[in-house]
Every structure is written in structure tokens, then in C-alpha cells.
């Protein structure tokens, strides 16, 4: 699996790493049970700090995309595709909102209003 970042992008590097993994899951490039490269390997390949990669992996763990197992490292979770699809949609929404100058608070208000019965 190839994890990509764009150093010119204003998005935080850890968010780019997480988005890259989510995208790979959503596209079917990795399947549940597949191992991700170690944080040290990713950091070396991308020339970024290992803690940046660890933060991305922790976010992905919290989202249910990966499982972090002692001795086995990061593994794609069994329920990852559904979670990854939603997370990718949210990331895209945030990207569009930022590009149009919509604040997070305004976005939350709009989402709340639209989800009301």
C-alpha cells in the first residue's frame, strides 16, 4: 500500500496520512486483516516525523478503520470499508467547507438544521 502526502498542501501531515489510508480502504487496495507499514517505515519513506504517522494511526484506530495490536502493528479492521466511506465523505465535506470559507460552527449548524425531522 502506498501512503501519499503533499507537502505543499495546507492540510496537516497526519490528516493527509490518515486520508491516504482511508482512501486505500475505500478503493479496495487493502482489505480487512491486511497489515499497514510500521509508523517508522512510513515516516522514513515520506521523510516525516514518526509521531506524525502515529497520530494518524491513532485517529484511524479511533474511527474504527484500523486496529492497533501489540506485536502485529496496524491492521485494517473488519468493519473498515463502511467507516472509511463515511470518513472520506466527511473529509471531503470539510475540504469543500474550508475552500468556501464556511466555519466549522456554521457547518455544524447547517447539518443540525438539515437532519432535524
Protein backbone atom coordinates (compact mmCIF):
# COMPACT_ATOMS: atom_id res chain seq x y z
CA UNK A 1 0.00 0.00 0.00
CA UNK A 2 1.27 3.40 -0.96
CA UNK A 3 0.71 6.24 1.50
CA UNK A 4 0.98 9.67 -0.09
CA UNK A 5 1.25 13.21 1.19
CA UNK A 6 1.54 16.59 -0.47
CA UNK A 7 3.98 18.83 1.44
CA UNK A 8 2.54 21.87 -0.37
CA UNK A 9 -0.97 21.10 0.92
CA UNK A 10 -2.00 23.16 3.95
CA UNK A 11 -3.71 20.11 5.47
CA UNK A 12 -1.80 18.71 8.44
CA UNK A 13 0.51 15.85 7.51
CA UNK A 14 -1.12 13.43 9.96
CA UNK A 15 -4.50 14.17 8.37
CA UNK A 16 -3.04 13.50 4.92
CA UNK A 17 -1.61 10.17 6.08
CA UNK A 18 -4.96 9.17 7.62
CA UNK A 19 -6.84 10.26 4.47
CA UNK A 20 -4.46 8.24 2.30
CA UNK A 21 -5.15 5.09 4.33
CA UNK A 22 -8.92 5.74 4.31
CA UNK A 23 -8.81 6.17 0.55
CA UNK A 24 -6.90 2.93 0.09
CA UNK A 25 -9.51 1.10 2.17
CA UNK A 26 -12.40 2.70 0.28
CA UNK A 27 -10.83 1.83 -3.09
CA UNK A 28 -10.25 -1.77 -2.01
CA UNK A 29 -6.46 -1.52 -2.24
CA UNK A 30 -6.27 -3.02 1.24
CA UNK A 31 -8.67 -5.47 2.84
CA UNK A 32 -9.66 -6.25 6.40
CA UNK A 33 -6.82 -8.06 8.13
CA UNK A 34 -4.09 -6.52 5.95
CA UNK A 35 -1.16 -5.02 7.82
CA UNK A 36 -0.09 -1.44 7.31
CA UNK A 37 3.58 -0.49 7.23
CA UNK A 38 5.02 0.38 10.62
CA UNK A 39 4.99 4.03 11.64
CA UNK A 40 8.77 4.03 11.43
CA UNK A 41 8.69 2.71 7.85
CA UNK A 42 6.08 5.25 6.73
CA UNK A 43 7.97 8.10 8.40
CA UNK A 44 11.21 7.09 6.70
CA UNK A 45 9.57 6.73 3.27
CA UNK A 46 7.76 10.06 3.49
CA UNK A 47 10.57 11.86 5.33
CA UNK A 48 8.26 12.94 8.16
CA UNK A 49 8.32 12.51 11.93
CA UNK A 50 7.31 9.08 13.23
CA UNK A 51 4.98 10.72 15.76
CA UNK A 52 3.07 12.29 12.87
CA UNK A 53 2.38 8.82 11.50
CA UNK A 54 1.49 7.51 14.96
CA UNK A 55 -1.04 10.32 15.36
CA UNK A 56 -2.61 9.40 12.02
CA UNK A 57 -2.76 5.74 13.08
CA UNK A 58 -4.38 6.71 16.39
CA UNK A 59 -7.04 8.71 14.56
CA UNK A 60 -7.71 5.78 12.25
CA UNK A 61 -7.95 3.49 15.28
CA UNK A 62 -10.43 5.85 16.94
CA UNK A 63 -12.51 5.88 13.73
CA UNK A 64 -12.51 2.08 13.60
CA UNK A 65 -10.59 1.92 10.33
CA UNK A 66 -7.61 0.08 11.81
CA UNK A 67 -6.80 -1.95 14.89
CA UNK A 68 -3.50 -1.43 16.66
CA UNK A 69 -2.21 -4.70 18.05
CA UNK A 70 0.89 -5.12 20.14
CA UNK A 71 3.34 -7.22 18.19
CA UNK A 72 1.26 -7.12 14.99
CA UNK A 73 1.15 -3.39 14.38
CA UNK A 74 -1.64 -1.65 12.49
CA UNK A 75 -4.18 -3.94 10.82
CA UNK A 76 -7.19 -2.95 8.71
CA UNK A 77 -10.33 -3.51 10.82
CA UNK A 78 -13.09 -5.87 9.74
CA UNK A 79 -15.65 -3.02 9.52
CA UNK A 80 -13.28 -0.58 7.82
CA UNK A 81 -14.99 -0.10 4.43
CA UNK A 82 -18.20 1.35 5.89
CA UNK A 83 -16.31 3.52 8.34
CA UNK A 84 -13.83 4.63 5.70
CA UNK A 85 -16.57 5.60 3.26
CA UNK A 86 -18.26 7.85 5.81
CA UNK A 87 -14.97 9.31 6.97
CA UNK A 88 -13.95 10.05 3.39
CA UNK A 89 -17.27 11.84 2.81
CA UNK A 90 -16.77 13.88 5.97
CA UNK A 91 -13.22 14.77 4.96
CA UNK A 92 -14.48 15.89 1.54
CA UNK A 93 -17.23 17.97 3.15
CA UNK A 94 -14.69 19.65 5.42
CA UNK A 95 -12.39 20.32 2.49
CA UNK A 96 -15.18 21.97 0.48
CA UNK A 97 -16.36 23.96 3.50
CA UNK A 98 -12.82 25.27 4.12
CA UNK A 99 -12.40 26.17 0.48
CA UNK A 100 -15.63 28.20 0.58
CA UNK A 101 -14.77 29.85 3.89
CA UNK A 102 -17.53 28.10 5.85
CA UNK A 103 -16.63 27.79 9.52
CA UNK A 104 -16.98 24.53 11.41
CA UNK A 105 -19.68 26.13 13.59
CA UNK A 106 -21.69 27.18 10.53
CA UNK A 107 -21.26 23.73 9.04
CA UNK A 108 -22.49 22.08 12.24
CA UNK A 109 -25.48 24.43 12.33
CA UNK A 110 -26.37 23.57 8.74
CA UNK A 111 -26.01 19.84 9.37
CA UNK A 112 -28.12 20.06 12.51
CA UNK A 113 -30.85 22.01 10.69
CA UNK A 114 -30.92 19.58 7.77
CA UNK A 115 -31.02 16.48 9.97
CA UNK A 116 -33.97 17.72 12.04
CA UNK A 117 -37.22 15.82 11.30
